[in-house]
Amino acid sequence: MEAASAEPWLMEDLSKYNSPSPLKRSDPMLVSGVGVGLLRMFWANIQEVLLGTKLSILFSALPFAIVAEQRNYGSAWVFALSLIGLTPLAERVSFLTEQIAFYTNPTVGGLLNATCGNVTELIISIVALIHHKVDVVKYSLLGSILSNLLLVLGTSLFCGGIANPSKEQKFDTGQTGVNSVLLLLGLLCHLLPLMLNLSGTPTELIAAGKLQLSRASCVVMLVGYIVYLFFQLWTHRQLFEDGDQGEDDDVDLISNEKPGPVIGFWSACFWLALMTGIIAPLSEYIVASIEVASDAWGLSVSFISVILLPIVGNAAEHAGAIIFAFRNKLDISIGLAVGSATQIAMFVIPLSVLMSWIMGVDMDLDLNPLETSCLALSIIVTAFTLQDGTSHYLKGLVLVLCYIVTGACFYVMEGANSKY
């Protein structure tokens, strides 16, 4: 660990380390030809951070997005290029967070991953709140939950079943049960404001009541999330650890070596701050141009927010969950997908509501009946799918088909743009 902290680019064979990111790693041989220490460090960081992923080609969209915004080439182009550029940034933020976690103890590393795992969605939410686009925040966060529960988890179970066609894959139901209970708590907090609309309360009292109820519910949800972290990282950590390999849990399935950091601690912190700083203006471009892109493409804002934005934000979880499913490590795949959905429901959404309160923006937890029904049915279908601790490709296919039908529902929604 000390050698990695000092000069990881000088290690004899970087290829023996398995990066937490499941995507392509860079070639350390390109670094060995650079003689000057600082220059070698800089080039090694470029190799690992910018070129160490198959999504690196998408970084080329970033300057085009900036130029399109500065030259007023059209908001639809700005939106599309920003969305493309955001995809590798979201994946790299996840990679850098895990790199920093290598230099901390397991508890601090777990807290870091738990709070930074969905930083892209949180930044987009904050920018949208600054622009007073509350419905964009609601739609995008709802879409993140649906994407993780149906698309990411469904694709993982399907690919894992295809890779292991002759037998059922098994996983521990401990963590899935905990996450399902928390998701149901989040669903209850979304249902209550909707029920308030149907309670017969005078119209002039409903808006204030929903706002107060939502803010109180968000405080409860954040308390629940803090207790969940304590439960996950201290008292019941064994429920959330991959138990398939016993003593070999820390050994990579391909290299048969223990994973380790590939860049230094301060380098990872610098790149994480830089990536976050780039995500902020891109989120600004996306939020500012979403309506124009909706009109230009003939897609509703709800469809773009619920389907397109979450797919970009969940790129890292999607890739990681699929690869671990292929490796027959469903506990990790389910932890990535369902755990991310739980984090959105119990942390990002209530935090967004409370931040909107601080900003003087009225945001509540009230979703219309269609959106609430999609959320409820997705949580219920996922809970039933995972209840018996076994999986095969049919279960994954059903979840993916549910996501396709849900996406089609938002695609055909008429009059959605009238809300903006």
Protein backbone atom coordinates (compact mmCIF):
# COMPACT_ATOMS: atom_id res chain seq x y z
CA MET A 1 0.00 0.00 0.00
CA GLU A 2 2.85 2.37 0.78
CA ALA A 3 4.40 1.82 -2.63
CA ALA A 4 1.10 2.43 -4.33
CA SER A 5 0.59 5.62 -2.34
CA ALA A 6 3.98 7.01 -3.23
CA GLU A 7 4.45 6.28 -6.92
CA PRO A 8 1.97 3.70 -8.27
CA TRP A 9 3.10 4.40 -11.82
CA LEU A 10 6.56 2.99 -11.00
CA MET A 11 5.30 -0.41 -9.87
CA GLU A 12 6.84 -3.29 -11.82
CA ASP A 13 3.57 -4.67 -13.16
CA LEU A 14 0.43 -2.58 -12.85
CA SER A 15 -1.53 -5.09 -14.89
CA LYS A 16 -1.72 -7.47 -11.95
CA TYR A 17 -4.10 -5.12 -10.17
CA ASN A 18 -7.77 -5.36 -10.89
CA SER A 19 -9.31 -1.90 -11.03
CA PRO A 20 -12.68 -1.56 -9.29
CA SER A 21 -13.98 -0.29 -12.59
CA PRO A 22 -15.08 -3.25 -14.73
CA LEU A 23 -14.24 -1.43 -17.94
CA LYS A 24 -11.03 -1.32 -19.95
CA ARG A 25 -7.76 -0.46 -18.20
CA SER A 26 -4.86 1.40 -19.73
CA ASP A 27 -1.57 -0.14 -20.83
CA PRO A 28 1.21 0.50 -18.25
CA MET A 29 3.84 -0.11 -20.94
CA LEU A 30 3.01 3.30 -22.35
CA VAL A 31 4.19 4.85 -19.08
CA SER A 32 7.48 2.97 -18.83
CA GLY A 33 8.98 4.93 -21.71
CA VAL A 34 8.61 8.27 -19.94
CA GLY A 35 11.76 9.13 -17.99
CA VAL A 36 11.04 12.32 -16.02
CA GLY A 37 9.34 11.69 -12.65
CA LEU A 38 6.65 14.39 -12.71
CA LEU A 39 5.98 13.87 -16.37
CA ARG A 40 5.70 10.13 -15.81
CA MET A 41 3.26 10.74 -12.94
CA PHE A 42 1.15 13.04 -15.10
CA TRP A 43 1.11 10.65 -18.04
CA ALA A 44 0.32 7.69 -15.79
CA ASN A 45 -2.68 9.56 -14.40
CA ILE A 46 -3.85 10.42 -17.90
CA GLN A 47 -3.53 6.77 -18.87
CA GLU A 48 -5.47 5.47 -15.88
CA VAL A 49 -8.14 8.14 -15.50
CA LEU A 50 -8.89 9.37 -19.01
CA LEU A 51 -7.85 6.44 -21.18
CA GLY A 52 -8.47 3.58 -18.74
CA THR A 53 -12.06 2.98 -19.89
CA LYS A 54 -13.71 1.90 -23.10
CA LEU A 55 -15.90 4.98 -22.76
CA SER A 56 -12.89 7.29 -23.19
CA ILE A 57 -13.85 8.02 -26.81
CA LEU A 58 -16.92 9.83 -25.48
CA PHE A 59 -14.72 12.44 -23.78
CA SER A 60 -14.34 13.97 -27.24
CA ALA A 61 -17.93 15.25 -26.92
CA LEU A 62 -16.96 17.62 -24.08
CA PRO A 63 -15.21 20.35 -26.13
CA PHE A 64 -17.90 20.13 -28.80
CA ALA A 65 -20.58 20.68 -26.15
CA ILE A 66 -18.77 23.76 -24.85
CA VAL A 67 -18.26 25.16 -28.35
CA ALA A 68 -21.90 24.49 -29.26
CA GLU A 69 -23.01 26.36 -26.14
CA GLN A 70 -20.67 29.31 -26.65
CA ARG A 71 -21.42 29.66 -30.38
CA ASN A 72 -25.19 29.11 -29.99
CA TYR A 73 -25.27 26.23 -32.45
CA GLY A 74 -28.60 25.06 -31.06
CA SER A 75 -29.84 23.82 -27.70
CA ALA A 76 -30.66 20.38 -29.08
CA TRP A 77 -27.00 19.89 -30.08
CA VAL A 78 -25.83 21.23 -26.72
CA PHE A 79 -28.11 18.80 -24.91
CA ALA A 80 -27.06 15.78 -26.98
CA LEU A 81 -23.33 16.47 -26.74
CA SER A 82 -23.56 17.20 -23.00
CA LEU A 83 -25.45 13.96 -22.45
CA ILE A 84 -22.79 12.00 -24.35
CA GLY A 85 -19.96 13.71 -22.47
CA LEU A 86 -21.64 13.04 -19.13
CA THR A 87 -21.56 9.26 -19.67
CA PRO A 88 -17.79 8.67 -19.18
CA LEU A 89 -17.66 11.31 -16.45
CA ALA A 90 -20.24 9.42 -14.38
CA GLU A 91 -18.26 6.19 -14.78
CA ARG A 92 -14.95 7.85 -13.90
CA VAL A 93 -16.39 9.45 -10.75
CA SER A 94 -17.33 5.96 -9.57
CA PHE A 95 -13.82 4.69 -10.43
CA LEU A 96 -12.09 7.55 -8.58
CA THR A 97 -14.31 7.16 -5.53
CA GLU A 98 -13.29 3.52 -5.29
CA GLN A 99 -9.62 4.45 -5.76
CA ILE A 100 -9.81 6.81 -2.78
CA ALA A 101 -11.55 4.10 -0.77
CA PHE A 102 -8.47 1.86 -1.15
CA TYR A 103 -6.49 4.28 1.05
CA THR A 104 -9.07 4.30 3.85
CA ASN A 105 -10.38 1.67 6.24
CA PRO A 106 -13.42 -0.37 5.12
CA THR A 107 -15.86 1.78 7.10
CA VAL A 108 -14.67 5.10 5.66
CA GLY A 109 -14.49 3.54 2.20
CA GLY A 110 -18.04 2.27 2.52
CA LEU A 111 -19.28 5.67 3.65
CA LEU A 112 -17.48 7.30 0.74
CA ASN A 113 -19.06 4.97 -1.80
CA ALA A 114 -22.46 5.34 -0.13
CA THR A 115 -22.42 9.14 -0.32
CA CYS A 116 -20.68 9.64 -3.69
CA GLY A 117 -22.20 6.75 -5.63
CA ASN A 118 -24.86 8.92 -7.24
CA VAL A 119 -23.10 12.27 -7.36
CA THR A 120 -24.09 12.80 -11.01
CA GLU A 121 -27.81 12.58 -10.23
CA LEU A 122 -27.36 14.84 -7.21
CA ILE A 123 -25.56 17.53 -9.23
CA ILE A 124 -28.23 17.46 -11.94
CA SER A 125 -30.91 17.79 -9.24
CA ILE A 126 -29.21 20.78 -7.64
CA VAL A 127 -28.79 22.54 -10.99
CA ALA A 128 -32.43 21.86 -11.89
CA LEU A 129 -33.57 23.23 -8.53
CA ILE A 130 -31.54 26.40 -9.14
CA HIS A 131 -33.52 26.76 -12.37
CA HIS A 132 -36.76 26.02 -10.46
CA LYS A 133 -37.41 22.95 -12.63
CA VAL A 134 -38.84 20.78 -9.88
CA ASP A 135 -40.53 18.34 -12.25
CA VAL A 136 -37.21 17.60 -13.97
CA VAL A 137 -35.75 16.68 -10.58
CA LYS A 138 -38.69 14.41 -9.76
CA TYR A 139 -38.66 12.73 -13.15
CA SER A 140 -34.89 12.16 -13.26
CA LEU A 141 -34.71 10.70 -9.75
CA LEU A 142 -37.76 8.51 -10.40
CA GLY A 143 -36.09 7.35 -13.60
CA SER A 144 -32.89 6.49 -11.71
CA ILE A 145 -34.82 4.18 -9.40
CA LEU A 146 -36.69 2.54 -12.28
CA SER A 147 -33.49 2.16 -14.32
CA ASN A 148 -31.60 0.48 -11.47
CA LEU A 149 -34.42 -1.84 -10.43
CA LEU A 150 -35.62 -2.90 -13.87
CA LEU A 151 -32.97 -2.21 -16.52
CA VAL A 152 -29.67 -2.63 -14.63
CA LEU A 153 -30.84 -5.49 -12.41
CA GLY A 154 -32.84 -7.13 -15.21
CA THR A 155 -29.95 -7.04 -17.68
CA SER A 156 -27.60 -8.43 -15.04
CA LEU A 157 -29.87 -11.35 -14.17
CA PHE A 158 -30.50 -12.06 -17.86
CA CYS A 159 -26.79 -12.03 -18.78
CA GLY A 160 -25.90 -14.09 -15.74
CA GLY A 161 -28.55 -16.65 -16.67
CA ILE A 162 -27.33 -16.82 -20.27
CA ALA A 163 -23.75 -17.32 -19.08
CA ASN A 164 -24.88 -20.11 -16.73
CA PRO A 165 -27.76 -21.76 -18.64
CA SER A 166 -27.61 -25.18 -17.00
CA LYS A 167 -28.20 -24.07 -13.42
CA GLU A 168 -29.89 -21.43 -11.30
CA GLN A 169 -27.66 -18.73 -9.91
CA LYS A 170 -27.94 -18.26 -6.16
CA PHE A 171 -27.46 -15.19 -4.00
CA ASP A 172 -27.92 -14.17 -0.39
CA THR A 173 -31.36 -12.69 0.33
CA GLY A 174 -30.14 -10.79 3.41
CA GLN A 175 -29.18 -7.56 1.65
CA THR A 176 -32.08 -7.74 -0.83
CA GLY A 177 -34.57 -7.99 2.04
CA VAL A 178 -33.09 -4.95 3.77
CA ASN A 179 -33.10 -2.89 0.58
CA SER A 180 -36.66 -3.93 -0.25
CA VAL A 181 -37.90 -2.76 3.15
CA LEU A 182 -36.17 0.62 2.70
CA LEU A 183 -37.60 1.00 -0.81
CA LEU A 184 -41.08 0.30 0.56
CA LEU A 185 -40.52 3.00 3.19
CA GLY A 186 -39.60 5.42 0.42
CA LEU A 187 -42.68 4.36 -1.53
CA LEU A 188 -44.89 5.03 1.50
CA CYS A 189 -43.46 8.54 1.79
CA HIS A 190 -44.39 9.14 -1.86
CA LEU A 191 -47.85 7.63 -1.50
CA LEU A 192 -48.96 9.76 1.45
CA PRO A 193 -48.90 13.13 -0.38
CA LEU A 194 -50.83 11.52 -3.24
CA MET A 195 -53.39 10.14 -0.81
CA LEU A 196 -53.71 13.62 0.70
CA ASN A 197 -54.99 14.83 -2.66
CA LEU A 198 -57.80 12.27 -2.45
CA SER A 199 -58.67 12.82 1.20
CA GLY A 200 -61.25 15.52 0.65
CA THR A 201 -59.09 18.20 2.26
CA PRO A 202 -59.92 21.73 0.99
CA THR A 203 -57.79 22.65 -2.01
CA GLU A 204 -56.20 25.65 -0.34
CA LEU A 205 -54.88 23.45 2.45
CA ILE A 206 -53.58 20.59 0.31
CA ALA A 207 -50.52 22.35 -1.13
CA ALA A 208 -49.24 23.52 2.26
CA GLY A 209 -50.05 20.15 3.81
CA LYS A 210 -48.22 18.20 1.12
CA LEU A 211 -45.17 20.39 1.46
CA GLN A 212 -45.02 20.05 5.23
CA LEU A 213 -45.67 16.31 5.06
CA SER A 214 -43.00 15.83 2.40
CA ARG A 215 -40.36 17.72 4.37
CA ALA A 216 -41.14 15.77 7.54
CA SER A 217 -41.04 12.51 5.57
CA CYS A 218 -37.67 13.44 4.10
CA VAL A 219 -36.21 13.95 7.56
CA VAL A 220 -37.50 10.50 8.50
CA MET A 221 -36.02 9.01 5.30
CA LEU A 222 -32.60 10.53 5.98
CA VAL A 223 -32.67 9.18 9.53
CA GLY A 224 -33.55 5.78 8.08
CA TYR A 225 -30.68 6.04 5.61
CA ILE A 226 -28.18 6.91 8.35
CA VAL A 227 -29.33 3.92 10.38
CA TYR A 228 -29.06 1.82 7.21
CA LEU A 229 -25.42 2.87 6.80
CA PHE A 230 -24.73 1.99 10.43
CA PHE A 231 -26.47 -1.37 9.86
CA GLN A 232 -24.52 -2.01 6.65
CA LEU A 233 -21.07 -0.89 7.75
CA TRP A 234 -20.96 -1.93 11.41
CA THR A 235 -23.56 -4.19 12.99
CA HIS A 236 -24.54 -6.42 10.04
CA ARG A 237 -21.68 -6.00 7.58
CA GLN A 238 -21.68 -9.73 6.80
CA LEU A 239 -25.05 -9.41 5.06
CA PHE A 240 -23.57 -7.07 2.45
CA GLU A 241 -20.34 -8.93 1.76
CA ASP A 242 -19.99 -11.35 -1.13
CA GLY A 243 -19.99 -14.78 0.42
CA ASP A 244 -19.37 -16.85 -2.70
CA GLN A 245 -15.62 -17.19 -2.34
CA GLY A 246 -15.06 -17.30 1.40
CA GLU A 247 -11.44 -16.50 2.13
CA ASP A 248 -10.87 -15.49 -1.52
CA ASP A 249 -13.36 -12.62 -1.52
CA ASP A 250 -10.61 -10.08 -2.15
CA VAL A 251 -9.07 -12.03 -5.05
CA ASP A 252 -10.02 -11.11 -8.58
CA LEU A 253 -11.60 -13.91 -10.58
CA ILE A 254 -9.42 -13.36 -13.64
CA SER A 255 -6.01 -12.28 -12.38
CA ASN A 256 -6.12 -14.31 -9.11
CA GLU A 257 -4.49 -11.31 -7.41
CA LYS A 258 -5.75 -8.97 -4.75
CA PRO A 259 -7.07 -5.68 -6.09
CA GLY A 260 -5.25 -2.48 -5.27
CA PRO A 261 -5.06 1.20 -6.19
CA VAL A 262 -3.67 2.23 -9.56
CA ILE A 263 -3.19 5.94 -8.80
CA GLY A 264 -2.14 7.82 -5.67
CA PHE A 265 -4.52 9.17 -3.04
CA TRP A 266 -4.01 12.87 -3.78
CA SER A 267 -4.09 12.24 -7.51
CA ALA A 268 -7.46 10.53 -7.11
CA CYS A 269 -8.75 13.44 -5.02
CA PHE A 270 -7.58 15.93 -7.64
CA TRP A 271 -9.17 14.06 -10.52
CA LEU A 272 -12.40 13.54 -8.56
CA ALA A 273 -12.65 17.28 -7.89
CA LEU A 274 -11.88 18.00 -11.55
CA MET A 275 -14.48 15.53 -12.84
CA THR A 276 -17.10 16.91 -10.46
CA GLY A 277 -16.26 20.42 -11.60
CA ILE A 278 -16.82 19.39 -15.23
CA ILE A 279 -20.11 17.61 -14.45
CA ALA A 280 -21.55 20.84 -12.98
CA PRO A 281 -21.49 22.96 -16.20
CA LEU A 282 -22.58 19.96 -18.28
CA SER A 283 -25.56 19.54 -15.96
CA GLU A 284 -26.26 23.24 -16.44
CA TYR A 285 -26.27 22.75 -20.22
CA ILE A 286 -28.58 19.73 -19.96
CA VAL A 287 -31.10 21.38 -17.67
CA ALA A 288 -31.15 24.63 -19.65
CA SER A 289 -31.66 22.92 -23.02
CA ILE A 290 -33.94 20.02 -22.13
CA GLU A 291 -37.16 21.69 -23.28
CA VAL A 292 -35.69 22.72 -26.64
CA ALA A 293 -34.30 19.22 -27.16
CA SER A 294 -37.73 17.83 -26.31
CA ASP A 295 -39.37 19.95 -28.99
CA ALA A 296 -36.65 19.25 -31.57
CA TRP A 297 -36.70 15.48 -31.07
CA GLY A 298 -40.45 15.12 -30.59
CA LEU A 299 -39.95 13.50 -27.19
CA SER A 300 -41.65 14.58 -24.00
CA VAL A 301 -39.56 16.07 -21.21
CA SER A 302 -40.82 13.27 -18.98
CA PHE A 303 -39.44 10.61 -21.33
CA ILE A 304 -36.06 12.33 -21.60
CA SER A 305 -35.85 12.80 -17.83
CA VAL A 306 -37.12 9.34 -16.84
CA ILE A 307 -35.36 7.27 -19.52
CA LEU A 308 -32.39 9.05 -21.14
CA LEU A 309 -30.84 10.90 -18.18
CA PRO A 310 -30.82 7.88 -15.81
CA ILE A 311 -29.26 5.61 -18.44
CA VAL A 312 -26.34 8.05 -18.63
CA GLY A 313 -26.08 8.44 -14.86
CA ASN A 314 -26.21 4.67 -14.25
CA ALA A 315 -23.63 3.72 -16.88
CA ALA A 316 -21.06 2.63 -14.29
CA GLU A 317 -23.53 0.55 -12.26
CA HIS A 318 -24.88 -1.04 -15.44
CA ALA A 319 -21.49 -2.14 -16.76
CA GLY A 320 -20.26 -3.35 -13.38
CA ALA A 321 -23.43 -5.28 -12.54
CA ILE A 322 -23.43 -7.10 -15.88
CA ILE A 323 -19.78 -8.15 -15.67
CA PHE A 324 -20.13 -9.43 -12.11
CA ALA A 325 -23.25 -11.37 -13.17
CA PHE A 326 -21.23 -13.02 -15.94
CA ARG A 327 -18.69 -13.98 -13.26
CA ASN A 328 -21.49 -15.62 -11.25
CA LYS A 329 -21.19 -13.06 -8.45
CA LEU A 330 -24.82 -12.00 -8.22
CA ASP A 331 -24.48 -10.65 -4.68
CA ILE A 332 -22.27 -7.87 -6.05
CA SER A 333 -24.51 -7.26 -9.08
CA ILE A 334 -27.61 -6.99 -6.93
CA GLY A 335 -25.77 -4.80 -4.44
CA LEU A 336 -24.82 -2.40 -7.24
CA ALA A 337 -28.30 -2.19 -8.78
CA VAL A 338 -30.65 -2.40 -5.80
CA GLY A 339 -28.24 -0.59 -3.49
CA SER A 340 -28.03 2.34 -5.92
CA ALA A 341 -31.84 2.49 -6.13
CA THR A 342 -32.03 2.50 -2.34
CA GLN A 343 -29.51 5.33 -2.16
CA ILE A 344 -31.55 7.41 -4.62
CA ALA A 345 -34.82 6.76 -2.78
CA MET A 346 -33.55 7.22 0.77
CA PHE A 347 -30.75 9.76 0.36
CA VAL A 348 -30.74 11.73 -2.90
CA ILE A 349 -34.51 12.39 -3.08
CA PRO A 350 -34.96 13.56 0.55
CA LEU A 351 -31.73 15.56 0.35
CA SER A 352 -33.04 17.27 -2.80
CA VAL A 353 -36.31 18.16 -1.07
CA LEU A 354 -34.52 19.62 1.95
CA MET A 355 -32.09 21.52 -0.26
CA SER A 356 -35.01 22.96 -2.22
CA TRP A 357 -36.44 24.11 1.12
CA ILE A 358 -33.17 25.94 1.84
CA MET A 359 -33.23 27.48 -1.66
CA GLY A 360 -36.80 28.69 -1.21
CA VAL A 361 -38.13 26.32 -3.89
CA ASP A 362 -41.28 24.36 -3.11
CA MET A 363 -40.56 20.72 -3.89
CA ASP A 364 -42.62 17.92 -2.39
CA LEU A 365 -42.79 14.15 -2.77
CA ASP A 366 -46.07 14.21 -4.67
CA LEU A 367 -45.98 12.31 -7.95
CA ASN A 368 -49.00 11.91 -10.17
CA PRO A 369 -50.86 8.55 -10.04
CA LEU A 370 -49.11 7.19 -13.15
CA GLU A 371 -45.60 7.90 -11.87
CA THR A 372 -46.40 6.63 -8.38
CA SER A 373 -47.88 3.45 -9.86
CA CYS A 374 -44.74 2.85 -11.93
CA LEU A 375 -42.59 3.28 -8.83
CA ALA A 376 -44.78 1.01 -6.71
CA LEU A 377 -45.04 -1.78 -9.28
CA SER A 378 -41.31 -1.68 -9.99
CA ILE A 379 -40.45 -2.09 -6.31
CA ILE A 380 -43.01 -4.89 -5.90
CA VAL A 381 -41.89 -6.77 -9.04
CA THR A 382 -38.25 -6.50 -7.95
CA ALA A 383 -39.03 -7.72 -4.44
CA PHE A 384 -40.91 -10.75 -5.78
CA THR A 385 -38.10 -11.49 -8.25
CA LEU A 386 -35.45 -11.56 -5.54
CA GLN A 387 -37.41 -13.15 -2.70
CA ASP A 388 -36.28 -16.78 -3.13
CA GLY A 389 -32.53 -16.21 -3.53
CA THR A 390 -32.31 -17.79 -6.99
CA SER A 391 -32.09 -16.34 -10.46
CA HIS A 392 -32.22 -17.37 -14.12
CA TYR A 393 -32.43 -15.54 -17.42
CA LEU A 394 -36.25 -15.51 -17.47
CA LYS A 395 -36.41 -13.37 -14.34
CA GLY A 396 -34.00 -10.89 -15.85
CA LEU A 397 -35.92 -10.81 -19.11
CA VAL A 398 -39.17 -10.06 -17.28
CA LEU A 399 -37.58 -7.08 -15.49
CA VAL A 400 -36.19 -5.71 -18.77
CA LEU A 401 -39.59 -6.11 -20.46
CA CYS A 402 -41.19 -4.25 -17.55
CA TYR A 403 -38.73 -1.41 -18.14
CA ILE A 404 -39.51 -1.34 -21.87
CA VAL A 405 -43.24 -1.13 -21.18
CA THR A 406 -42.65 1.62 -18.61
CA GLY A 407 -40.51 3.54 -21.10
CA ALA A 408 -43.21 3.17 -23.74
CA CYS A 409 -45.73 4.57 -21.27
CA PHE A 410 -43.70 7.74 -20.74
CA TYR A 411 -43.00 7.94 -24.48
CA VAL A 412 -46.70 8.17 -25.34
CA MET A 413 -47.57 10.58 -22.54
CA GLU A 414 -49.35 13.56 -24.09
CA GLY A 415 -49.30 17.03 -22.71
CA ALA A 416 -46.28 16.36 -20.48
CA ASN A 417 -44.50 19.43 -21.78
CA SER A 418 -47.35 21.62 -20.60
CA LYS A 419 -46.07 21.15 -17.06
CA TYR A 420 -42.87 23.08 -17.81
